Amino acid sequence: MLESFVLREGTDYGEQEVSLERKLEQLRHQLKNGELLLCFDEPTESINLLTPQQAREMGL
């Protein structure tokens, strides 16, 4: 699921290209620490990663 999220984000335009494994590691860390939340959107039947603030703003 996380790999699909990373791949749909498109091209990496940062100073240094980051490997897929490193991006997945970063996402896992952020999820584990509560920096990101995994949210299911019923209308679109998709899963998104949101910050806690974004989730609150959306009423989740």
PDB file of N, CA and C in Angstrom:
ATOM      1  N   MET A   1       0.822  -1.174   0.000  1.00  0.00           N
ATOM      2  CA  MET A   1       0.000   0.000   0.000  1.00  0.00           C
ATOM      3  C   MET A   1       0.881   1.258   0.000  1.00  0.00           C
ATOM      4  N   LEU A   2       1.908   1.276   0.833  1.00  0.00           N
ATOM      5  CA  LEU A   2       2.791   2.447   0.876  1.00  0.00           C
ATOM      6  C   LEU A   2       3.546   2.615  -0.437  1.00  0.00           C
ATOM      7  N   GLU A   3       3.937   1.501  -1.029  1.00  0.00           N
ATOM      8  CA  GLU A   3       4.651   1.577  -2.301  1.00  0.00           C
ATOM      9  C   GLU A   3       3.771   2.219  -3.371  1.00  0.00           C
ATOM     10  N   SER A   4       2.503   1.862  -3.409  1.00  0.00           N
ATOM     11  CA  SER A   4       1.575   2.470  -4.367  1.00  0.00           C
ATOM     12  C   SER A   4       1.479   3.970  -4.143  1.00  0.00           C
ATOM     13  N   PHE A   5       1.445   4.384  -2.875  1.00  0.00           N
ATOM     14  CA  PHE A   5       1.380   5.810  -2.562  1.00  0.00           C
ATOM     15  C   PHE A   5       2.629   6.524  -3.067  1.00  0.00           C
ATOM     16  N   VAL A   6       3.792   5.967  -2.797  1.00  0.00           N
ATOM     17  CA  VAL A   6       5.050   6.593  -3.230  1.00  0.00           C
ATOM     18  C   VAL A   6       5.101   6.677  -4.749  1.00  0.00           C
ATOM     19  N   LEU A   7       4.710   5.617  -5.418  1.00  0.00           N
ATOM     20  CA  LEU A   7       4.793   5.591  -6.878  1.00  0.00           C
ATOM     21  C   LEU A   7       3.808   6.546  -7.536  1.00  0.00           C
ATOM     22  N   ARG A   8       2.669   6.792  -6.924  1.00  0.00           N
ATOM     23  CA  ARG A   8       1.699   7.705  -7.531  1.00  0.00           C
ATOM     24  C   ARG A   8       2.075   9.163  -7.311  1.00  0.00           C
ATOM     25  N   GLU A   9       3.057   9.420  -6.447  1.00  0.00           N
ATOM     26  CA  GLU A   9       3.478  10.786  -6.166  1.00  0.00           C
ATOM     27  C   GLU A   9       4.260  11.400  -7.323  1.00  0.00           C
ATOM     28  N   GLY A  10       4.721  10.600  -8.256  1.00  0.00           N
ATOM     29  CA  GLY A  10       5.407  11.145  -9.427  1.00  0.00           C
ATOM     30  C   GLY A  10       6.909  11.248  -9.252  1.00  0.00           C
ATOM     31  N   THR A  11       7.506  12.051 -10.093  1.00  0.00           N
ATOM     32  CA  THR A  11       8.954  12.195 -10.143  1.00  0.00           C
ATOM     33  C   THR A  11       9.482  12.950  -8.935  1.00  0.00           C
ATOM     34  N   ASP A  12      10.639  12.524  -8.475  1.00  0.00           N
ATOM     35  CA  ASP A  12      11.308  13.171  -7.344  1.00  0.00           C
ATOM     36  C   ASP A  12      12.175  14.303  -7.878  1.00  0.00           C
ATOM     37  N   TYR A  13      11.863  15.539  -7.511  1.00  0.00           N
ATOM     38  CA  TYR A  13      12.614  16.690  -7.997  1.00  0.00           C
ATOM     39  C   TYR A  13      13.507  17.299  -6.922  1.00  0.00           C
ATOM     40  N   GLY A  14      13.809  16.544  -5.886  1.00  0.00           N
ATOM     41  CA  GLY A  14      14.658  17.049  -4.814  1.00  0.00           C
ATOM     42  C   GLY A  14      16.109  17.173  -5.255  1.00  0.00           C
ATOM     43  N   GLU A  15      16.938  17.725  -4.376  1.00  0.00           N
ATOM     44  CA  GLU A  15      18.362  17.884  -4.679  1.00  0.00           C
ATOM     45  C   GLU A  15      19.010  16.545  -4.951  1.00  0.00           C
ATOM     46  N   GLN A  16      18.651  15.559  -4.143  1.00  0.00           N
ATOM     47  CA  GLN A  16      19.172  14.214  -4.327  1.00  0.00           C
ATOM     48  C   GLN A  16      18.003  13.270  -4.529  1.00  0.00           C
ATOM     49  N   GLU A  17      18.173  12.375  -5.471  1.00  0.00           N
ATOM     50  CA  GLU A  17      17.121  11.393  -5.691  1.00  0.00           C
ATOM     51  C   GLU A  17      17.124  10.401  -4.531  1.00  0.00           C
ATOM     52  N   VAL A  18      15.942  10.068  -4.047  1.00  0.00           N
ATOM     53  CA  VAL A  18      15.801   9.158  -2.915  1.00  0.00           C
ATOM     54  C   VAL A  18      15.252   7.837  -3.434  1.00  0.00           C
ATOM     55  N   SER A  19      15.861   6.738  -3.003  1.00  0.00           N
ATOM     56  CA  SER A  19      15.427   5.420  -3.470  1.00  0.00           C
ATOM     57  C   SER A  19      14.034   5.094  -2.942  1.00  0.00           C
ATOM     58  N   LEU A  20      13.375   4.201  -3.632  1.00  0.00           N
ATOM     59  CA  LEU A  20      12.045   3.752  -3.219  1.00  0.00           C
ATOM     60  C   LEU A  20      12.102   3.174  -1.811  1.00  0.00           C
ATOM     61  N   GLU A  21      13.110   2.357  -1.535  1.00  0.00           N
ATOM     62  CA  GLU A  21      13.232   1.755  -0.204  1.00  0.00           C
ATOM     63  C   GLU A  21      13.374   2.813   0.880  1.00  0.00           C
ATOM     64  N   ARG A  22      14.150   3.847   0.603  1.00  0.00           N
ATOM     65  CA  ARG A  22      14.350   4.924   1.581  1.00  0.00           C
ATOM     66  C   ARG A  22      13.041   5.686   1.808  1.00  0.00           C
ATOM     67  N   LYS A  23      12.297   5.948   0.733  1.00  0.00           N
ATOM     68  CA  LYS A  23      11.010   6.638   0.868  1.00  0.00           C
ATOM     69  C   LYS A  23      10.040   5.807   1.705  1.00  0.00           C
ATOM     70  N   LEU A  24      10.021   4.501   1.464  1.00  0.00           N
ATOM     71  CA  LEU A  24       9.142   3.617   2.230  1.00  0.00           C
ATOM     72  C   LEU A  24       9.546   3.600   3.700  1.00  0.00           C
ATOM     73  N   GLU A  25      10.842   3.576   3.952  1.00  0.00           N
ATOM     74  CA  GLU A  25      11.356   3.617   5.320  1.00  0.00           C
ATOM     75  C   GLU A  25      10.922   4.908   6.021  1.00  0.00           C
ATOM     76  N   GLN A  26      11.011   6.020   5.318  1.00  0.00           N
ATOM     77  CA  GLN A  26      10.608   7.311   5.879  1.00  0.00           C
ATOM     78  C   GLN A  26       9.113   7.325   6.204  1.00  0.00           C
ATOM     79  N   LEU A  27       8.297   6.804   5.285  1.00  0.00           N
ATOM     80  CA  LEU A  27       6.852   6.760   5.527  1.00  0.00           C
ATOM     81  C   LEU A  27       6.512   5.882   6.728  1.00  0.00           C
ATOM     82  N   ARG A  28       7.151   4.715   6.815  1.00  0.00           N
ATOM     83  CA  ARG A  28       6.892   3.821   7.954  1.00  0.00           C
ATOM     84  C   ARG A  28       7.231   4.519   9.272  1.00  0.00           C
ATOM     85  N   HIS A  29       8.347   5.220   9.280  1.00  0.00           N
ATOM     86  CA  HIS A  29       8.775   5.948  10.477  1.00  0.00           C
ATOM     87  C   HIS A  29       7.750   7.024  10.848  1.00  0.00           C
ATOM     88  N   GLN A  30       7.297   7.786   9.860  1.00  0.00           N
ATOM     89  CA  GLN A  30       6.322   8.853  10.115  1.00  0.00           C
ATOM     90  C   GLN A  30       4.989   8.287  10.595  1.00  0.00           C
ATOM     91  N   LEU A  31       4.566   7.164  10.052  1.00  0.00           N
ATOM     92  CA  LEU A  31       3.323   6.525  10.499  1.00  0.00           C
ATOM     93  C   LEU A  31       3.468   6.013  11.932  1.00  0.00           C
ATOM     94  N   LYS A  32       4.593   5.372  12.207  1.00  0.00           N
ATOM     95  CA  LYS A  32       4.833   4.820  13.540  1.00  0.00           C
ATOM     96  C   LYS A  32       4.862   5.914  14.603  1.00  0.00           C
ATOM     97  N   ASN A  33       5.407   7.076  14.254  1.00  0.00           N
ATOM     98  CA  ASN A  33       5.535   8.182  15.206  1.00  0.00           C
ATOM     99  C   ASN A  33       4.324   9.105  15.239  1.00  0.00           C
ATOM    100  N   GLY A  34       3.300   8.797  14.455  1.00  0.00           N
ATOM    101  CA  GLY A  34       2.092   9.619  14.466  1.00  0.00           C
ATOM    102  C   GLY A  34       2.207  10.910  13.672  1.00  0.00           C
ATOM    103  N   GLU A  35       3.273  11.033  12.879  1.00  0.00           N
ATOM    104  CA  GLU A  35       3.448  12.229  12.052  1.00  0.00           C
ATOM    105  C   GLU A  35       2.546  12.190  10.823  1.00  0.00           C
ATOM    106  N   LEU A  36       2.148  10.983  10.430  1.00  0.00           N
ATOM    107  CA  LEU A  36       1.226  10.777   9.314  1.00  0.00           C
ATOM    108  C   LEU A  36       0.151   9.799   9.747  1.00  0.00           C
ATOM    109  N   LEU A  37      -1.025   9.950   9.161  1.00  0.00           N
ATOM    110  CA  LEU A  37      -2.142   9.049   9.410  1.00  0.00           C
ATOM    111  C   LEU A  37      -2.582   8.439   8.088  1.00  0.00           C
ATOM    112  N   LEU A  38      -2.952   7.183   8.128  1.00  0.00           N
ATOM    113  CA  LEU A  38      -3.471   6.480   6.962  1.00  0.00           C
ATOM    114  C   LEU A  38      -4.983   6.634   6.993  1.00  0.00           C
ATOM    115  N   CYS A  39      -5.556   7.285   5.992  1.00  0.00           N
ATOM    116  CA  CYS A  39      -6.989   7.591   5.982  1.00  0.00           C
ATOM    117  C   CYS A  39      -7.651   7.037   4.727  1.00  0.00           C
ATOM    118  N   PHE A  40      -8.791   6.386   4.920  1.00  0.00           N
ATOM    119  CA  PHE A  40      -9.561   5.856   3.800  1.00  0.00           C
ATOM    120  C   PHE A  40     -10.642   6.857   3.421  1.00  0.00           C
ATOM    121  N   ASP A  41     -10.713   7.174   2.136  1.00  0.00           N
ATOM    122  CA  ASP A  41     -11.722   8.101   1.624  1.00  0.00           C
ATOM    123  C   ASP A  41     -12.804   7.281   0.923  1.00  0.00           C
ATOM    124  N   GLU A  42     -13.967   7.186   1.561  1.00  0.00           N
ATOM    125  CA  GLU A  42     -15.047   6.358   1.010  1.00  0.00           C
ATOM    126  C   GLU A  42     -15.510   6.782  -0.375  1.00  0.00           C
ATOM    127  N   PRO A  43     -15.774   8.082  -0.607  1.00  0.00           N
ATOM    128  CA  PRO A  43     -16.278   8.468  -1.932  1.00  0.00           C
ATOM    129  C   PRO A  43     -15.361   8.053  -3.091  1.00  0.00           C
ATOM    130  N   THR A  44     -14.057   8.157  -2.883  1.00  0.00           N
ATOM    131  CA  THR A  44     -13.126   7.806  -3.967  1.00  0.00           C
ATOM    132  C   THR A  44     -12.555   6.403  -3.804  1.00  0.00           C
ATOM    133  N   GLU A  45     -12.897   5.758  -2.676  1.00  0.00           N
ATOM    134  CA  GLU A  45     -12.374   4.428  -2.353  1.00  0.00           C
ATOM    135  C   GLU A  45     -10.855   4.396  -2.470  1.00  0.00           C
ATOM    136  N   SER A  46     -10.213   5.426  -1.915  1.00  0.00           N
ATOM    137  CA  SER A  46      -8.756   5.496  -1.968  1.00  0.00           C
ATOM    138  C   SER A  46      -8.192   5.737  -0.575  1.00  0.00           C
ATOM    139  N   ILE A  47      -6.936   5.433  -0.439  1.00  0.00           N
ATOM    140  CA  ILE A  47      -6.236   5.626   0.820  1.00  0.00           C
ATOM    141  C   ILE A  47      -5.261   6.777   0.647  1.00  0.00           C
ATOM    142  N   ASN A  48      -5.243   7.659   1.628  1.00  0.00           N
ATOM    143  CA  ASN A  48      -4.351   8.812   1.587  1.00  0.00           C
ATOM    144  C   ASN A  48      -3.577   8.913   2.886  1.00  0.00           C
ATOM    145  N   LEU A  49      -2.429   9.540   2.806  1.00  0.00           N
ATOM    146  CA  LEU A  49      -1.635   9.834   3.987  1.00  0.00           C
ATOM    147  C   LEU A  49      -1.815  11.306   4.306  1.00  0.00           C
ATOM    148  N   LEU A  50      -2.208  11.590   5.536  1.00  0.00           N
ATOM    149  CA  LEU A  50      -2.442  12.964   5.965  1.00  0.00           C
ATOM    150  C   LEU A  50      -1.683  13.231   7.253  1.00  0.00           C
ATOM    151  N   THR A  51      -1.339  14.485   7.460  1.00  0.00           N
ATOM    152  CA  THR A  51      -0.803  14.871   8.759  1.00  0.00           C
ATOM    153  C   THR A  51      -1.978  14.934   9.726  1.00  0.00           C
ATOM    154  N   PRO A  52      -1.717  14.832  11.020  1.00  0.00           N
ATOM    155  CA  PRO A  52      -2.821  14.963  11.978  1.00  0.00           C
ATOM    156  C   PRO A  52      -3.583  16.280  11.797  1.00  0.00           C
ATOM    157  N   GLN A  53      -2.878  17.351  11.488  1.00  0.00           N
ATOM    158  CA  GLN A  53      -3.540  18.644  11.285  1.00  0.00           C
ATOM    159  C   GLN A  53      -4.471  18.596  10.076  1.00  0.00           C
ATOM    160  N   GLN A  54      -4.022  18.000   8.978  1.00  0.00           N
ATOM    161  CA  GLN A  54      -4.875  17.882   7.794  1.00  0.00           C
ATOM    162  C   GLN A  54      -6.125  17.070   8.117  1.00  0.00           C
ATOM    163  N   ALA A  55      -5.951  15.987   8.868  1.00  0.00           N
ATOM    164  CA  ALA A  55      -7.092  15.143   9.238  1.00  0.00           C
ATOM    165  C   ALA A  55      -8.093  15.927  10.087  1.00  0.00           C
ATOM    166  N   ARG A  56      -7.592  16.710  11.045  1.00  0.00           N
ATOM    167  CA  ARG A  56      -8.485  17.531  11.880  1.00  0.00           C
ATOM    168  C   ARG A  56      -9.238  18.545  11.032  1.00  0.00           C
ATOM    169  N   GLU A  57      -8.530  19.186  10.097  1.00  0.00           N
ATOM    170  CA  GLU A  57      -9.161  20.192   9.234  1.00  0.00           C
ATOM    171  C   GLU A  57     -10.250  19.578   8.366  1.00  0.00           C
ATOM    172  N   MET A  58     -10.101  18.291   8.054  1.00  0.00           N
ATOM    173  CA  MET A  58     -11.097  17.600   7.236  1.00  0.00           C
ATOM    174  C   MET A  58     -12.196  16.981   8.100  1.00  0.00           C
ATOM    175  N   GLY A  59     -12.080  17.142   9.401  1.00  0.00           N
ATOM    176  CA  GLY A  59     -13.077  16.597  10.311  1.00  0.00           C
ATOM    177  C   GLY A  59     -12.957  15.108  10.533  1.00  0.00           C
ATOM    178  N   LEU A  60     -11.773  14.579  10.354  1.00  0.00           N
ATOM    179  CA  LEU A  60     -11.563  13.132  10.545  1.00  0.00           C
ATOM    180  C   LEU A  60     -11.053  12.818  11.930  1.00  0.00           C
TER     181      LEU A  60
END
